[in-house]
Amino acid sequence: QNLPGRNFAIIVDEAHSSQSGETAKSLKEVLQVESPEEAEQLEGESEQSTDEDLVNQSMAARGRQPNLSFFAFTATPKQKTLELFGVPQPDGTFAPFHLYTMRQAIEEGFILDVLQNYTTFETYFNLLKTAADDPRVEKSKAVSQLKRYVNIHRFTIARKAEVMVEHFWANVRHQIPNDNGEGQAKAMVVTPSRLHAVLYKQAFDAYLKKQGYSVKALVAFSGTVSYHGLDYTEAQMNGFPESQTAKQFEKPEYRFLIVAEKFQTGFDQPLLHTMYVDKKLAGVHAVQTLSRLNRIHPRKNETMVLDFVNSVEDIQRAFAPYYEATILSQATDPNKLYDLQDELEAFGLYTPEQVAEIAELYLRKGEKAARLQPLLRVVVDKYKYIADMEERIRFKHRLRSYVNAYAFLSQVMTFQDPELERLYLFGRLLLRALPAETQRERLAVQDLVDLESYRIQQTYSGAINIPQGQGQLDPLSDLESGGLTDPEKAALSQIIQEINER
């Protein structure tokens, strides 16, 4: 239908996500026409346009449009959010147009302070090398895999599950009483992977049954997890379709929700009182995850967090930029796009002529677009011939950095260089066509080591205080060029000794 007038106010919720790239461009294009007839007319005109005209039109459509006003809301602005929607200041920083801070919302009683009752734990363990061989392996990968081996060990999961359940039974279950004085408080267990979620669900079910506790646990994760020859899904483990998980969690018998990514953002359950964290959290993700607890309830006076992974300092760093005002220290330097462009061309996988041909064919909606795949395959085949896997990974990483940076910067400023637009269009298509890389070295730690001892020790309990004053974010950091260093190698026995001594 026809739209009266050409000026639009666009209200954006959760503005820290999904406000750059092709979706934002498509929205702007739709709001430039008054009627379907005008859209058809413009499409007909584009078919007569030159390749250069199409690239320039695509480039112009990304920038600021005089008939569009954006009103963006977020509690956790990222660098891109502030540069895109913030107000430029005389000193070169970017500040929000208007503020209602987390601290003010807490003081006025609209949300709860999730940092007032925070307990951290440290884990201590000893690994024992059981194999006769003592291979030299990449140190960083080995340390990561050995720690994962400990964290995924059934004894580790069972011990933490016991601590969580007993804490809940003693300190949480009577919280948020109903009219009959019965506690309604619920808890969320935040796990680092889908397999962890599966193992925690099994451990919780076993321990709750063993102790005879009259509460149940639900699990939430996407897809299917295969482990020791068996497949697990959320629906199979819970006993009902995953679309019903949130609704079932409202029932009084379900007091634990074990999650892997799902329900860590946007989940609104006022009875959620306590969180058990077994996952590394940082930045916006930490704030969003812990904020699942901040919903108010007439009989909810506090929250609790038991954190088995993060330190007090980790959480302070995560919350500091968002507790009061958040500013961006300076604008992103657009010249770094040219550095990335040069770095990508140095790989020698494509020519400027190939980039132009593929980008312009993409802009030509119609039969010519069918020629894209053979042209992309030529570049993909060259990519496959790079012998060094690390070089292939570096190319893909730099290409993704360019695509993400251009998608954002082209909304902040209007570029006059069609080569940048062509490389962006080409890069998006190429990223989809490039094959996934498999890791070169996989150390089967479960065949080489065993868990000799394991214990958990409380390291802190109390409030985490955030210093007063505005927080500051730095501009995008993913635009720097740079090579890779050779990985350090060491004997497995030496690595195990260093881990045990920490």
Protein backbone atom coordinates (compact mmCIF):
# COMPACT_ATOMS: atom_id res chain seq x y z
CA GLN A 1 0.00 0.00 0.00
CA ASN A 2 1.01 3.63 -0.43
CA LEU A 3 2.87 5.26 2.45
CA PRO A 4 1.78 8.84 3.29
CA GLY A 5 4.88 11.00 3.26
CA ARG A 6 8.54 10.06 3.17
CA ASN A 7 9.74 10.89 6.69
CA PHE A 8 9.95 8.01 9.15
CA ALA A 9 10.88 7.49 12.80
CA ILE A 10 12.44 4.06 13.36
CA ILE A 11 12.39 2.76 16.96
CA VAL A 12 15.10 0.17 17.61
CA ASP A 13 15.03 -2.02 20.72
CA GLU A 14 18.15 -3.93 21.79
CA ALA A 15 20.15 -1.60 19.56
CA HIS A 16 23.47 -3.25 20.45
CA SER A 17 22.71 -6.04 17.97
CA SER A 18 21.74 -6.44 14.30
CA GLN A 19 21.99 -2.79 13.28
CA SER A 20 24.67 -3.15 10.63
CA GLY A 21 24.85 -5.04 7.38
CA GLU A 22 22.33 -5.96 4.71
CA THR A 23 19.23 -5.92 6.94
CA ALA A 24 19.76 -2.27 7.88
CA LYS A 25 20.47 -1.41 4.25
CA SER A 26 17.28 -3.16 3.08
CA LEU A 27 15.22 -1.26 5.66
CA LYS A 28 16.58 2.05 4.41
CA GLU A 29 15.89 1.10 0.78
CA VAL A 30 12.28 0.13 1.53
CA LEU A 31 11.60 3.49 3.20
CA GLN A 32 12.88 5.48 0.23
CA VAL A 33 9.80 4.71 -1.92
CA GLU A 34 6.17 5.72 -1.45
CA SER A 35 4.41 2.87 -3.26
CA PRO A 36 4.90 -0.52 -4.93
CA GLU A 37 4.54 1.22 -8.28
CA GLU A 38 7.47 3.51 -7.52
CA ALA A 39 9.52 0.51 -6.42
CA GLU A 40 8.80 -1.27 -9.72
CA GLN A 41 9.74 1.86 -11.64
CA LEU A 42 13.06 2.15 -9.81
CA GLU A 43 13.77 -1.54 -10.39
CA GLY A 44 13.16 -1.07 -14.10
CA GLU A 45 15.50 1.89 -14.17
CA SER A 46 18.20 -0.12 -12.37
CA GLU A 47 18.11 -2.73 -15.14
CA GLN A 48 19.22 0.00 -17.54
CA SER A 49 21.95 1.28 -15.20
CA THR A 50 25.64 0.76 -15.81
CA ASP A 51 27.69 -1.43 -13.50
CA GLU A 52 29.29 1.69 -12.01
CA ASP A 53 25.84 3.19 -11.34
CA LEU A 54 24.72 0.03 -9.53
CA VAL A 55 27.78 0.04 -7.26
CA ASN A 56 27.31 3.74 -6.44
CA GLN A 57 23.61 3.20 -5.69
CA SER A 58 24.43 0.27 -3.42
CA MET A 59 27.07 2.36 -1.64
CA ALA A 60 24.74 5.36 -1.16
CA ALA A 61 21.92 3.18 0.22
CA ARG A 62 24.05 2.21 3.24
CA GLY A 63 24.67 5.71 4.53
CA ARG A 64 22.56 8.13 6.53
CA GLN A 65 19.25 9.01 4.86
CA PRO A 66 17.72 12.49 5.38
CA ASN A 67 14.16 11.14 5.71
CA LEU A 68 14.93 8.59 8.44
CA SER A 69 15.30 9.25 12.18
CA PHE A 70 16.49 6.41 14.42
CA PHE A 71 15.59 6.17 18.12
CA ALA A 72 17.70 3.39 19.58
CA PHE A 73 17.42 1.84 23.06
CA THR A 74 19.86 -0.48 24.81
CA ALA A 75 21.19 -1.17 28.29
CA THR A 76 24.51 -2.46 26.96
CA PRO A 77 25.78 -0.30 24.08
CA LYS A 78 28.71 -1.66 22.09
CA GLN A 79 31.32 0.44 20.30
CA LYS A 80 29.29 0.24 17.09
CA THR A 81 26.11 1.31 18.91
CA LEU A 82 27.68 4.50 20.26
CA GLU A 83 29.36 5.45 17.00
CA LEU A 84 26.21 4.78 14.98
CA PHE A 85 23.59 6.32 17.29
CA GLY A 86 25.59 8.38 19.81
CA VAL A 87 26.12 12.15 19.84
CA PRO A 88 29.61 13.34 18.78
CA GLN A 89 31.25 15.44 21.50
CA PRO A 90 33.72 18.34 21.04
CA ASP A 91 36.57 16.19 22.38
CA GLY A 92 35.99 13.50 19.73
CA THR A 93 34.13 11.05 21.96
CA PHE A 94 30.59 9.73 21.40
CA ALA A 95 27.98 9.86 24.17
CA PRO A 96 24.36 8.63 24.43
CA PHE A 97 21.65 11.14 23.54
CA HIS A 98 19.81 10.35 26.80
CA LEU A 99 20.63 8.23 29.84
CA TYR A 100 18.68 6.17 32.33
CA THR A 101 21.49 4.30 34.05
CA MET A 102 21.58 0.86 35.61
CA ARG A 103 22.56 2.49 38.93
CA GLN A 104 19.52 4.81 38.79
CA ALA A 105 17.15 1.97 37.87
CA ILE A 106 18.43 -0.01 40.89
CA GLU A 107 18.11 2.98 43.24
CA GLU A 108 14.54 3.64 42.06
CA GLY A 109 13.52 0.00 42.48
CA PHE A 110 12.85 -0.95 38.87
CA ILE A 111 15.51 -3.67 38.83
CA LEU A 112 17.54 -5.51 41.48
CA ASP A 113 21.30 -5.28 41.92
CA VAL A 114 22.61 -8.69 40.86
CA LEU A 115 26.09 -7.98 42.32
CA GLN A 116 25.06 -7.57 45.98
CA ASN A 117 25.43 -11.26 46.92
CA TYR A 118 28.25 -12.66 44.81
CA THR A 119 30.31 -15.72 45.74
CA THR A 120 33.33 -16.91 43.77
CA PHE A 121 35.10 -20.27 43.86
CA GLU A 122 38.50 -21.51 42.75
CA THR A 123 39.03 -25.08 41.60
CA TYR A 124 42.19 -27.04 42.38
CA PHE A 125 43.13 -30.29 40.69
CA ASN A 126 46.00 -32.62 39.86
CA LEU A 127 46.42 -34.43 36.56
CA LEU A 128 48.37 -37.65 36.21
CA LYS A 129 50.01 -38.66 32.92
CA THR A 130 49.05 -42.29 32.35
CA ALA A 131 50.68 -42.89 28.95
CA ALA A 132 54.27 -43.99 28.46
CA ASP A 133 54.71 -41.56 25.56
CA ASP A 134 55.59 -37.95 26.26
CA PRO A 135 54.82 -36.11 22.99
CA ARG A 136 55.76 -32.50 22.30
CA VAL A 137 52.58 -30.55 21.61
CA GLU A 138 51.45 -26.98 21.07
CA LYS A 139 51.37 -25.58 24.58
CA SER A 140 48.35 -23.27 24.34
CA LYS A 141 46.18 -25.92 22.69
CA ALA A 142 47.26 -28.58 25.17
CA VAL A 143 46.52 -26.37 28.19
CA SER A 144 43.09 -25.53 26.77
CA GLN A 145 42.26 -29.18 26.06
CA LEU A 146 43.54 -30.40 29.43
CA LYS A 147 41.41 -27.83 31.26
CA ARG A 148 38.42 -28.86 29.18
CA TYR A 149 39.12 -32.50 30.07
CA VAL A 150 38.95 -31.58 33.77
CA ASN A 151 35.85 -29.41 33.36
CA ILE A 152 33.94 -32.07 31.40
CA HIS A 153 34.98 -34.94 33.70
CA ARG A 154 31.95 -36.62 35.27
CA PHE A 155 33.46 -36.31 38.76
CA THR A 156 33.92 -32.55 38.27
CA ILE A 157 30.35 -32.10 37.05
CA ALA A 158 28.97 -34.26 39.88
CA ARG A 159 30.92 -32.34 42.54
CA LYS A 160 29.77 -28.94 41.30
CA ALA A 161 26.19 -30.16 40.93
CA GLU A 162 26.28 -31.29 44.56
CA VAL A 163 27.51 -27.87 45.72
CA MET A 164 24.81 -26.10 43.68
CA VAL A 165 21.94 -28.31 44.84
CA GLU A 166 22.93 -28.18 48.51
CA HIS A 167 23.33 -24.39 48.37
CA PHE A 168 19.89 -24.08 46.79
CA TRP A 169 18.30 -26.44 49.31
CA ALA A 170 19.79 -24.60 52.29
CA ASN A 171 19.66 -20.96 51.14
CA VAL A 172 17.34 -20.45 48.17
CA ARG A 173 14.30 -22.74 48.13
CA HIS A 174 12.46 -20.78 50.84
CA GLN A 175 12.96 -17.42 49.11
CA ILE A 176 10.11 -15.50 47.39
CA PRO A 177 7.33 -17.08 49.49
CA ASN A 178 3.77 -17.33 48.15
CA ASP A 179 0.63 -16.58 50.18
CA ASN A 180 1.00 -19.94 51.93
CA GLY A 181 4.58 -19.20 52.92
CA GLU A 182 6.03 -21.72 50.45
CA GLY A 183 9.20 -20.66 48.66
CA GLN A 184 9.01 -20.16 44.89
CA ALA A 185 12.59 -19.13 44.08
CA LYS A 186 14.21 -20.65 41.00
CA ALA A 187 17.81 -20.93 39.82
CA MET A 188 19.65 -20.93 36.50
CA VAL A 189 22.81 -22.97 35.87
CA VAL A 190 24.94 -21.38 33.13
CA THR A 191 27.18 -23.93 31.39
CA PRO A 192 29.96 -23.44 28.81
CA SER A 193 28.74 -25.94 26.18
CA ARG A 194 25.84 -28.12 25.14
CA LEU A 195 27.67 -31.24 26.33
CA HIS A 196 28.16 -29.64 29.74
CA ALA A 197 24.42 -28.95 29.85
CA VAL A 198 23.66 -32.61 29.10
CA LEU A 199 26.05 -33.86 31.79
CA TYR A 200 24.76 -31.34 34.35
CA LYS A 201 21.17 -32.44 33.69
CA GLN A 202 22.15 -36.06 34.31
CA ALA A 203 24.10 -35.11 37.46
CA PHE A 204 21.26 -32.98 38.84
CA ASP A 205 18.66 -35.68 38.19
CA ALA A 206 20.83 -38.32 39.88
CA TYR A 207 21.69 -36.21 42.93
CA LEU A 208 18.14 -34.88 43.47
CA LYS A 209 16.82 -38.46 43.34
CA LYS A 210 19.54 -39.73 45.68
CA GLN A 211 18.79 -37.02 48.27
CA GLY A 212 15.02 -37.32 47.90
CA TYR A 213 14.63 -33.59 47.22
CA SER A 214 11.19 -32.70 45.86
CA VAL A 215 12.34 -30.39 43.06
CA LYS A 216 13.28 -30.97 39.40
CA ALA A 217 15.69 -29.59 36.81
CA LEU A 218 15.09 -28.66 33.17
CA VAL A 219 17.73 -28.27 30.48
CA ALA A 220 17.88 -25.91 27.48
CA PHE A 221 20.19 -26.28 24.49
CA SER A 222 19.89 -26.29 20.71
CA GLY A 223 20.20 -29.23 18.34
CA THR A 224 21.45 -32.72 19.13
CA VAL A 225 24.43 -33.64 21.33
CA SER A 226 26.16 -36.96 20.61
CA TYR A 227 28.11 -38.47 23.49
CA HIS A 228 29.43 -42.00 23.94
CA GLY A 229 27.25 -43.32 21.12
CA LEU A 230 24.01 -41.74 22.35
CA ASP A 231 22.12 -38.70 21.07
CA TYR A 232 20.57 -36.15 23.42
CA THR A 233 18.09 -33.35 22.71
CA GLU A 234 16.40 -30.82 24.95
CA ALA A 235 12.97 -32.31 24.23
CA GLN A 236 14.12 -35.88 24.93
CA MET A 237 15.80 -34.98 28.24
CA ASN A 238 12.89 -32.82 29.48
CA GLY A 239 10.07 -35.03 28.23
CA PHE A 240 8.22 -32.39 26.21
CA PRO A 241 8.84 -30.19 23.11
CA GLU A 242 11.50 -27.52 23.52
CA SER A 243 8.93 -24.85 22.60
CA GLN A 244 7.35 -25.54 26.01
CA THR A 245 10.50 -25.26 28.14
CA ALA A 246 9.97 -21.66 29.29
CA LYS A 247 6.29 -22.31 30.08
CA GLN A 248 7.02 -25.56 31.95
CA PHE A 249 9.68 -23.78 34.01
CA GLU A 250 6.87 -21.68 35.51
CA LYS A 251 5.52 -24.79 37.29
CA PRO A 252 6.44 -24.96 41.00
CA GLU A 253 8.20 -28.34 40.82
CA TYR A 254 10.80 -27.09 38.31
CA ARG A 255 13.34 -25.05 40.27
CA PHE A 256 16.52 -25.41 38.16
CA LEU A 257 17.04 -24.41 34.52
CA ILE A 258 20.37 -25.64 33.09
CA VAL A 259 21.29 -23.65 29.98
CA ALA A 260 23.87 -23.58 27.19
CA GLU A 261 23.46 -20.18 25.44
CA LYS A 262 19.66 -20.39 25.40
CA PHE A 263 17.75 -18.13 27.84
CA GLN A 264 20.88 -16.12 28.69
CA THR A 265 19.44 -13.01 27.02
CA GLY A 266 15.87 -11.75 26.85
CA PHE A 267 14.49 -14.31 29.33
CA ASP A 268 12.05 -12.70 31.75
CA GLN A 269 11.25 -14.80 34.84
CA PRO A 270 10.76 -12.74 38.06
CA LEU A 271 11.05 -15.89 40.24
CA LEU A 272 14.63 -16.40 39.05
CA HIS A 273 16.58 -15.71 42.24
CA THR A 274 19.97 -17.43 42.00
CA MET A 275 22.49 -18.14 39.25
CA TYR A 276 25.21 -20.79 39.26
CA VAL A 277 27.87 -19.78 36.73
CA ASP A 278 30.24 -22.39 35.28
CA LYS A 279 31.21 -20.41 32.18
CA LYS A 280 33.70 -17.67 31.37
CA LEU A 281 31.80 -14.38 31.04
CA ALA A 282 33.09 -11.04 29.77
CA GLY A 283 31.85 -7.66 28.60
CA VAL A 284 28.29 -7.29 27.35
CA HIS A 285 27.72 -11.04 27.57
CA ALA A 286 28.43 -11.02 31.32
CA VAL A 287 26.04 -8.13 31.94
CA GLN A 288 23.26 -9.65 29.84
CA THR A 289 23.61 -13.10 31.42
CA LEU A 290 23.68 -11.97 35.06
CA SER A 291 20.86 -9.51 34.39
CA ARG A 292 18.45 -12.45 34.00
CA LEU A 293 18.22 -12.18 37.82
CA ASN A 294 17.35 -8.49 38.05
CA ARG A 295 13.58 -8.73 37.45
CA ILE A 296 11.60 -7.46 40.43
CA HIS A 297 8.88 -9.34 42.32
CA PRO A 298 6.85 -8.07 45.31
CA ARG A 299 8.46 -10.70 47.57
CA LYS A 300 11.91 -10.83 46.01
CA ASN A 301 14.38 -8.71 47.96
CA GLU A 302 17.73 -9.98 46.74
CA THR A 303 19.53 -12.24 44.31
CA MET A 304 22.50 -14.61 44.65
CA VAL A 305 25.30 -15.64 42.28
CA LEU A 306 27.72 -18.53 42.80
CA ASP A 307 30.50 -18.26 40.22
CA PHE A 308 32.90 -21.17 39.66
CA VAL A 309 34.89 -19.54 36.83
CA ASN A 310 35.06 -15.75 36.96
CA SER A 311 36.82 -13.56 39.53
CA VAL A 312 35.49 -10.45 41.26
CA GLU A 313 37.80 -8.38 39.04
CA ASP A 314 36.41 -10.05 35.89
CA ILE A 315 32.86 -9.06 36.80
CA GLN A 316 33.86 -5.53 37.83
CA ARG A 317 35.52 -5.01 34.44
CA ALA A 318 32.44 -6.33 32.65
CA PHE A 319 29.93 -4.11 34.49
CA ALA A 320 31.99 -0.90 34.80
CA PRO A 321 31.25 0.47 31.30
CA TYR A 322 27.48 -0.02 31.68
CA TYR A 323 26.66 0.83 35.31
CA GLU A 324 26.44 4.56 34.70
CA ALA A 325 27.20 6.55 31.54
CA THR A 326 28.98 4.82 28.68
CA ILE A 327 31.00 6.76 26.11
CA LEU A 328 33.12 5.82 23.11
CA SER A 329 36.65 7.21 23.37
CA GLN A 330 36.98 8.06 19.66
CA ALA A 331 35.68 7.26 16.20
CA THR A 332 36.87 4.22 14.27
CA ASP A 333 39.60 5.12 11.78
CA PRO A 334 38.16 4.39 8.29
CA ASN A 335 41.67 4.39 6.77
CA LYS A 336 42.24 0.99 8.36
CA LEU A 337 39.84 -0.41 5.76
CA TYR A 338 42.47 0.35 3.13
CA ASP A 339 45.10 -1.46 5.21
CA LEU A 340 42.86 -4.53 5.28
CA GLN A 341 42.20 -4.19 1.55
CA ASP A 342 45.96 -4.20 0.86
CA GLU A 343 46.55 -7.12 3.22
CA LEU A 344 43.85 -9.21 1.54
CA GLU A 345 45.16 -8.47 -1.96
CA ALA A 346 48.65 -9.56 -0.86
CA PHE A 347 47.38 -13.15 -0.51
CA GLY A 348 47.08 -13.22 -4.32
CA LEU A 349 43.82 -15.16 -4.39
CA TYR A 350 41.95 -12.76 -6.67
CA THR A 351 42.41 -9.78 -8.96
CA PRO A 352 40.57 -6.42 -8.88
CA GLU A 353 38.89 -7.49 -12.12
CA GLN A 354 37.49 -10.63 -10.49
CA VAL A 355 36.20 -8.60 -7.54
CA ALA A 356 34.47 -6.13 -9.87
CA GLU A 357 32.93 -8.84 -12.06
CA ILE A 358 31.50 -10.83 -9.13
CA ALA A 359 30.23 -7.75 -7.24
CA GLU A 360 28.52 -6.29 -10.31
CA LEU A 361 26.95 -9.62 -11.27
CA TYR A 362 25.58 -9.86 -7.73
CA LEU A 363 23.94 -6.46 -8.08
CA ARG A 364 22.28 -7.55 -11.33
CA LYS A 365 19.21 -9.38 -10.08
CA GLY A 366 18.34 -12.00 -12.69
CA GLU A 367 19.82 -14.71 -14.86
CA LYS A 368 23.35 -13.30 -14.78
CA ALA A 369 23.52 -14.06 -11.06
CA ALA A 370 23.67 -17.78 -11.96
CA ARG A 371 27.22 -17.17 -13.20
CA LEU A 372 28.40 -16.24 -9.69
CA GLN A 373 29.20 -19.72 -8.41
CA PRO A 374 31.69 -20.72 -11.14
CA LEU A 375 33.49 -17.39 -10.69
CA LEU A 376 33.66 -17.82 -6.91
CA ARG A 377 34.85 -21.41 -7.31
CA VAL A 378 37.99 -20.17 -9.06
CA VAL A 379 38.91 -18.14 -5.95
CA VAL A 380 37.91 -20.95 -3.57
CA ASP A 381 40.16 -23.40 -5.44
CA LYS A 382 43.12 -21.02 -5.04
CA TYR A 383 42.31 -20.74 -1.33
CA LYS A 384 42.39 -24.54 -0.98
CA TYR A 385 45.87 -24.64 -2.53
CA ILE A 386 47.33 -22.58 0.34
CA ALA A 387 49.37 -25.29 2.07
CA ASP A 388 49.58 -23.63 5.50
CA MET A 389 46.29 -23.98 7.37
CA GLU A 390 47.17 -21.01 9.60
CA GLU A 391 47.49 -18.82 6.49
CA ARG A 392 44.05 -19.93 5.30
CA ILE A 393 42.59 -19.12 8.71
CA ARG A 394 44.33 -15.73 8.69
CA PHE A 395 42.89 -14.86 5.26
CA LYS A 396 39.38 -15.81 6.32
CA HIS A 397 39.73 -13.85 9.57
CA ARG A 398 40.95 -10.70 7.80
CA LEU A 399 38.22 -10.97 5.15
CA ARG A 400 35.56 -11.28 7.85
CA SER A 401 37.07 -8.28 9.65
CA TYR A 402 36.84 -6.21 6.47
CA VAL A 403 33.24 -7.24 5.74
CA ASN A 404 32.07 -6.50 9.30
CA ALA A 405 33.93 -3.19 9.49
CA TYR A 406 32.68 -1.92 6.14
CA ALA A 407 29.08 -2.92 6.92
CA PHE A 408 29.30 -0.75 10.03
CA LEU A 409 31.40 2.21 8.81
CA SER A 410 29.33 2.64 5.65
CA GLN A 411 26.38 3.57 7.88
CA VAL A 412 28.40 6.15 9.80
CA MET A 413 29.95 7.87 6.78
CA THR A 414 29.34 7.98 3.05
CA PHE A 415 32.27 6.47 1.18
CA GLN A 416 33.17 7.78 -2.26
CA ASP A 417 35.33 4.81 -3.26
CA PRO A 418 33.36 2.15 -5.20
CA GLU A 419 36.28 -0.29 -4.83
CA LEU A 420 35.48 -0.62 -1.12
CA GLU A 421 31.84 -1.44 -1.90
CA ARG A 422 32.85 -3.99 -4.52
CA LEU A 423 35.25 -5.72 -2.13
CA TYR A 424 32.53 -5.81 0.54
CA LEU A 425 30.00 -7.45 -1.81
CA PHE A 426 32.64 -9.87 -3.10
CA GLY A 427 33.82 -10.65 0.44
CA ARG A 428 30.34 -11.52 1.73
CA LEU A 429 29.83 -13.99 -1.11
CA LEU A 430 33.31 -15.50 -0.77
CA LEU A 431 32.99 -16.05 2.99
CA ARG A 432 29.91 -18.18 2.38
CA ALA A 433 31.74 -20.24 -0.24
CA LEU A 434 34.98 -20.89 1.67
CA PRO A 435 35.22 -24.34 3.31
CA ALA A 436 35.41 -24.77 7.07
CA GLU A 437 38.87 -25.44 8.48
CA THR A 438 39.62 -28.40 10.73
CA GLN A 439 42.24 -28.12 13.43
CA ARG A 440 45.60 -29.60 12.48
CA GLU A 441 46.47 -31.06 15.86
CA ARG A 442 44.02 -32.82 18.13
CA LEU A 443 45.44 -34.19 21.37
CA ALA A 444 43.39 -37.10 22.74
CA VAL A 445 43.97 -36.10 26.36
CA GLN A 446 41.51 -38.62 27.73
CA ASP A 447 43.89 -41.37 26.55
CA LEU A 448 47.01 -39.74 28.03
CA VAL A 449 45.96 -38.37 31.42
CA ASP A 450 43.71 -39.04 34.38
CA LEU A 451 42.18 -36.79 37.04
CA GLU A 452 44.01 -37.63 40.27
CA SER A 453 42.35 -35.14 42.65
CA TYR A 454 39.85 -32.27 42.54
CA ARG A 455 38.48 -29.78 45.07
CA ILE A 456 36.50 -26.53 45.13
CA GLN A 457 37.34 -23.66 47.49
CA GLN A 458 35.36 -20.47 48.12
CA THR A 459 37.47 -17.36 47.49
CA TYR A 460 35.03 -14.47 48.00
CA SER A 461 31.53 -13.76 49.26
CA GLY A 462 29.90 -10.34 49.39
CA ALA A 463 28.99 -7.39 47.20
CA ILE A 464 30.87 -6.46 44.04
CA ASN A 465 31.05 -2.68 44.00
CA ILE A 466 31.33 -0.77 40.74
CA PRO A 467 33.27 2.52 41.00
CA GLN A 468 31.24 5.65 40.30
CA GLY A 469 31.79 7.55 37.08
CA GLN A 470 31.28 6.95 33.39
CA GLY A 471 32.70 3.93 31.64
CA GLN A 472 34.61 4.16 28.38
CA LEU A 473 34.74 1.88 25.36
CA ASP A 474 37.50 2.00 22.76
CA PRO A 475 36.81 1.90 19.01
CA LEU A 476 36.75 -1.32 17.00
CA SER A 477 39.96 -3.27 17.54
CA ASP A 478 39.54 -5.94 14.87
CA LEU A 479 40.94 -3.79 12.05
CA GLU A 480 44.64 -4.04 12.90
CA SER A 481 46.87 -5.90 10.50
CA GLY A 482 49.34 -8.43 11.81
CA GLY A 483 50.84 -11.84 11.26
CA LEU A 484 50.82 -15.02 13.29
CA THR A 485 53.58 -16.20 15.60
CA ASP A 486 54.87 -19.76 15.69
CA PRO A 487 53.12 -21.70 18.47
CA GLU A 488 55.25 -22.67 21.47
CA LYS A 489 55.70 -26.40 21.97
CA ALA A 490 56.56 -28.38 25.10
CA ALA A 491 56.55 -31.93 26.42
CA LEU A 492 53.15 -33.04 27.71
CA SER A 493 54.66 -33.95 31.11
CA GLN A 494 56.03 -30.42 31.49
CA ILE A 495 52.66 -28.88 30.63
CA ILE A 496 50.88 -31.12 33.14
CA GLN A 497 53.40 -30.19 35.83
CA GLU A 498 52.88 -26.46 35.22
CA ILE A 499 49.09 -26.84 35.35
CA ASN A 500 49.25 -28.83 38.59
CA GLU A 501 51.49 -26.19 40.24
CA ARG A 502 49.15 -23.28 39.50
